[in-house]
């Protein structure tokens, strides 16, 4: 059987999937370093002195609601990379949407000139 050459859409799909695969891990949200008192303010000497404990918080939306999760310090660099990858992927998705509209307009214009 003869193998047909890939269409432009198939080429674009493969290009997108390759780019998305290279952006793993991926996440959407924000990561912030905060300082808060611990859960034992009477027993903790640092909290009694007014000091706070540094920690990482991941904030994201889930089902339309804002959620926050504590992030262990050793996971923070990985999550930071995932958030950067998420921003790059979101930018790529926006570009793909724009390209889709442009392809549609070009195809529609070429069909009009062929008639």
C-alpha atoms as a PDB file:
ATOM      1  CA  UNK A   1       0.000   0.000   0.000  1.00  0.00           C
ATOM      2  CA  UNK A   2       1.212   3.463  -0.847  1.00  0.00           C
ATOM      3  CA  UNK A   3       1.650   5.731   2.108  1.00  0.00           C
ATOM      4  CA  UNK A   4       0.124   9.149   1.488  1.00  0.00           C
ATOM      5  CA  UNK A   5       2.160  12.221   2.361  1.00  0.00           C
ATOM      6  CA  UNK A   6       1.094  13.926   5.597  1.00  0.00           C
ATOM      7  CA  UNK A   7      -1.223  16.881   5.281  1.00  0.00           C
ATOM      8  CA  UNK A   8      -0.350  20.295   6.630  1.00  0.00           C
ATOM      9  CA  UNK A   9      -2.768  19.735   9.515  1.00  0.00           C
ATOM     10  CA  UNK A  10      -1.082  16.442  10.424  1.00  0.00           C
ATOM     11  CA  UNK A  11       2.334  18.123  10.332  1.00  0.00           C
ATOM     12  CA  UNK A  12       1.082  20.913  12.595  1.00  0.00           C
ATOM     13  CA  UNK A  13      -0.474  18.401  14.993  1.00  0.00           C
ATOM     14  CA  UNK A  14       2.791  16.474  15.246  1.00  0.00           C
ATOM     15  CA  UNK A  15       4.726  19.698  15.784  1.00  0.00           C
ATOM     16  CA  UNK A  16       2.381  20.724  18.589  1.00  0.00           C
ATOM     17  CA  UNK A  17       2.461  17.295  20.266  1.00  0.00           C
ATOM     18  CA  UNK A  18       6.246  17.224  20.163  1.00  0.00           C
ATOM     19  CA  UNK A  19       6.437  20.695  21.708  1.00  0.00           C
ATOM     20  CA  UNK A  20       3.878  19.758  24.390  1.00  0.00           C
ATOM     21  CA  UNK A  21       5.740  16.541  25.200  1.00  0.00           C
ATOM     22  CA  UNK A  22       8.919  18.554  25.787  1.00  0.00           C
ATOM     23  CA  UNK A  23       7.091  20.772  28.298  1.00  0.00           C
ATOM     24  CA  UNK A  24       6.601  18.094  30.958  1.00  0.00           C
ATOM     25  CA  UNK A  25       6.004  18.565  33.897  1.00  0.00           C
ATOM     26  CA  UNK A  26       3.321  21.188  33.473  1.00  0.00           C
ATOM     27  CA  UNK A  27       1.091  23.057  35.944  1.00  0.00           C
ATOM     28  CA  UNK A  28      -1.111  26.133  36.084  1.00  0.00           C
ATOM     29  CA  UNK A  29      -1.292  28.383  39.106  1.00  0.00           C
ATOM     30  CA  UNK A  30       1.216  30.314  41.180  1.00  0.00           C
ATOM     31  CA  UNK A  31       3.886  29.542  43.725  1.00  0.00           C
ATOM     32  CA  UNK A  32       4.678  31.926  46.553  1.00  0.00           C
ATOM     33  CA  UNK A  33       7.019  31.845  49.498  1.00  0.00           C
ATOM     34  CA  UNK A  34       5.185  33.032  52.592  1.00  0.00           C
ATOM     35  CA  UNK A  35       5.943  33.230  56.299  1.00  0.00           C
ATOM     36  CA  UNK A  36       3.293  32.123  58.770  1.00  0.00           C
ATOM     37  CA  UNK A  37       3.116  31.136  62.409  1.00  0.00           C
ATOM     38  CA  UNK A  38       3.029  27.415  62.976  1.00  0.00           C
ATOM     39  CA  UNK A  39       0.123  25.517  64.512  1.00  0.00           C
ATOM     40  CA  UNK A  40       1.709  25.529  68.002  1.00  0.00           C
ATOM     41  CA  UNK A  41       2.164  29.226  68.824  1.00  0.00           C
ATOM     42  CA  UNK A  42       2.370  28.699  72.604  1.00  0.00           C
ATOM     43  CA  UNK A  43       4.931  25.889  72.352  1.00  0.00           C
ATOM     44  CA  UNK A  44       7.077  27.291  69.536  1.00  0.00           C
ATOM     45  CA  UNK A  45       9.784  29.709  70.719  1.00  0.00           C
ATOM     46  CA  UNK A  46      10.043  31.334  67.277  1.00  0.00           C
ATOM     47  CA  UNK A  47       6.304  32.078  67.151  1.00  0.00           C
ATOM     48  CA  UNK A  48       6.329  33.422  70.718  1.00  0.00           C
ATOM     49  CA  UNK A  49       9.050  35.874  69.652  1.00  0.00           C
ATOM     50  CA  UNK A  50       6.991  37.039  66.672  1.00  0.00           C
ATOM     51  CA  UNK A  51       9.025  35.177  64.097  1.00  0.00           C
ATOM     52  CA  UNK A  52       7.272  33.236  61.396  1.00  0.00           C
ATOM     53  CA  UNK A  53       8.116  30.054  59.541  1.00  0.00           C
ATOM     54  CA  UNK A  54       8.895  30.305  55.795  1.00  0.00           C
ATOM     55  CA  UNK A  55       6.950  27.937  53.538  1.00  0.00           C
ATOM     56  CA  UNK A  56       5.850  27.537  49.921  1.00  0.00           C
ATOM     57  CA  UNK A  57       2.199  27.788  48.891  1.00  0.00           C
ATOM     58  CA  UNK A  58       0.808  26.673  45.514  1.00  0.00           C
ATOM     59  CA  UNK A  59      -2.368  28.556  44.551  1.00  0.00           C
ATOM     60  CA  UNK A  60      -4.611  27.317  41.746  1.00  0.00           C
ATOM     61  CA  UNK A  61      -8.220  27.236  40.577  1.00  0.00           C
ATOM     62  CA  UNK A  62     -10.260  24.058  40.795  1.00  0.00           C
ATOM     63  CA  UNK A  63     -13.892  24.006  39.726  1.00  0.00           C
ATOM     64  CA  UNK A  64     -13.926  27.810  39.703  1.00  0.00           C
ATOM     65  CA  UNK A  65     -12.748  28.002  43.314  1.00  0.00           C
ATOM     66  CA  UNK A  66      -9.386  29.266  44.510  1.00  0.00           C
ATOM     67  CA  UNK A  67      -7.372  26.552  46.267  1.00  0.00           C
ATOM     68  CA  UNK A  68      -4.062  26.617  48.116  1.00  0.00           C
ATOM     69  CA  UNK A  69      -1.740  23.758  48.963  1.00  0.00           C
ATOM     70  CA  UNK A  70       1.401  23.597  51.060  1.00  0.00           C
ATOM     71  CA  UNK A  71       4.434  22.624  48.991  1.00  0.00           C
ATOM     72  CA  UNK A  72       7.439  20.898  50.571  1.00  0.00           C
ATOM     73  CA  UNK A  73      10.628  22.907  50.014  1.00  0.00           C
ATOM     74  CA  UNK A  74      12.248  20.128  47.970  1.00  0.00           C
ATOM     75  CA  UNK A  75       9.286  20.140  45.538  1.00  0.00           C
ATOM     76  CA  UNK A  76       9.305  23.936  44.993  1.00  0.00           C
ATOM     77  CA  UNK A  77      11.970  23.950  42.196  1.00  0.00           C
ATOM     78  CA  UNK A  78      10.134  21.223  40.260  1.00  0.00           C
ATOM     79  CA  UNK A  79       6.801  23.022  40.643  1.00  0.00           C
ATOM     80  CA  UNK A  80       8.406  26.315  39.574  1.00  0.00           C
ATOM     81  CA  UNK A  81       9.640  24.606  36.383  1.00  0.00           C
ATOM     82  CA  UNK A  82       6.183  23.063  35.824  1.00  0.00           C
ATOM     83  CA  UNK A  83       4.548  26.497  36.155  1.00  0.00           C
ATOM     84  CA  UNK A  84       6.972  27.968  33.606  1.00  0.00           C
ATOM     85  CA  UNK A  85       6.189  25.090  31.253  1.00  0.00           C
ATOM     86  CA  UNK A  86       2.481  25.702  31.838  1.00  0.00           C
ATOM     87  CA  UNK A  87       2.857  29.352  30.787  1.00  0.00           C
ATOM     88  CA  UNK A  88       4.749  28.296  27.660  1.00  0.00           C
ATOM     89  CA  UNK A  89       2.088  25.700  26.826  1.00  0.00           C
ATOM     90  CA  UNK A  90      -0.705  28.228  27.366  1.00  0.00           C
ATOM     91  CA  UNK A  91       1.083  30.668  25.030  1.00  0.00           C
ATOM     92  CA  UNK A  92       1.418  27.914  22.427  1.00  0.00           C
ATOM     93  CA  UNK A  93      -2.295  27.085  22.728  1.00  0.00           C
ATOM     94  CA  UNK A  94      -3.159  30.734  22.111  1.00  0.00           C
ATOM     95  CA  UNK A  95      -0.902  30.776  19.047  1.00  0.00           C
ATOM     96  CA  UNK A  96      -2.553  27.573  17.768  1.00  0.00           C
ATOM     97  CA  UNK A  97      -5.976  29.193  18.115  1.00  0.00           C
ATOM     98  CA  UNK A  98      -4.856  32.225  16.125  1.00  0.00           C
ATOM     99  CA  UNK A  99      -3.311  29.983  13.447  1.00  0.00           C
ATOM    100  CA  UNK A 100      -6.524  27.956  13.201  1.00  0.00           C
ATOM    101  CA  UNK A 101      -8.540  31.102  12.487  1.00  0.00           C
ATOM    102  CA  UNK A 102      -6.019  32.280   9.897  1.00  0.00           C
ATOM    103  CA  UNK A 103      -6.054  28.894   8.118  1.00  0.00           C
ATOM    104  CA  UNK A 104      -9.852  28.960   8.051  1.00  0.00           C
ATOM    105  CA  UNK A 105      -9.891  32.476   6.574  1.00  0.00           C
ATOM    106  CA  UNK A 106      -7.304  31.562   3.912  1.00  0.00           C
ATOM    107  CA  UNK A 107      -9.212  28.381   2.969  1.00  0.00           C
ATOM    108  CA  UNK A 108     -12.487  30.289   2.766  1.00  0.00           C
ATOM    109  CA  UNK A 109     -10.940  33.039   0.638  1.00  0.00           C
ATOM    110  CA  UNK A 110      -9.364  30.510  -1.731  1.00  0.00           C
ATOM    111  CA  UNK A 111     -12.709  28.720  -2.134  1.00  0.00           C
ATOM    112  CA  UNK A 112     -14.338  32.029  -3.089  1.00  0.00           C
ATOM    113  CA  UNK A 113     -11.716  32.751  -5.748  1.00  0.00           C
ATOM    114  CA  UNK A 114     -12.093  29.224  -7.172  1.00  0.00           C
ATOM    115  CA  UNK A 115     -15.816  29.705  -7.776  1.00  0.00           C
END
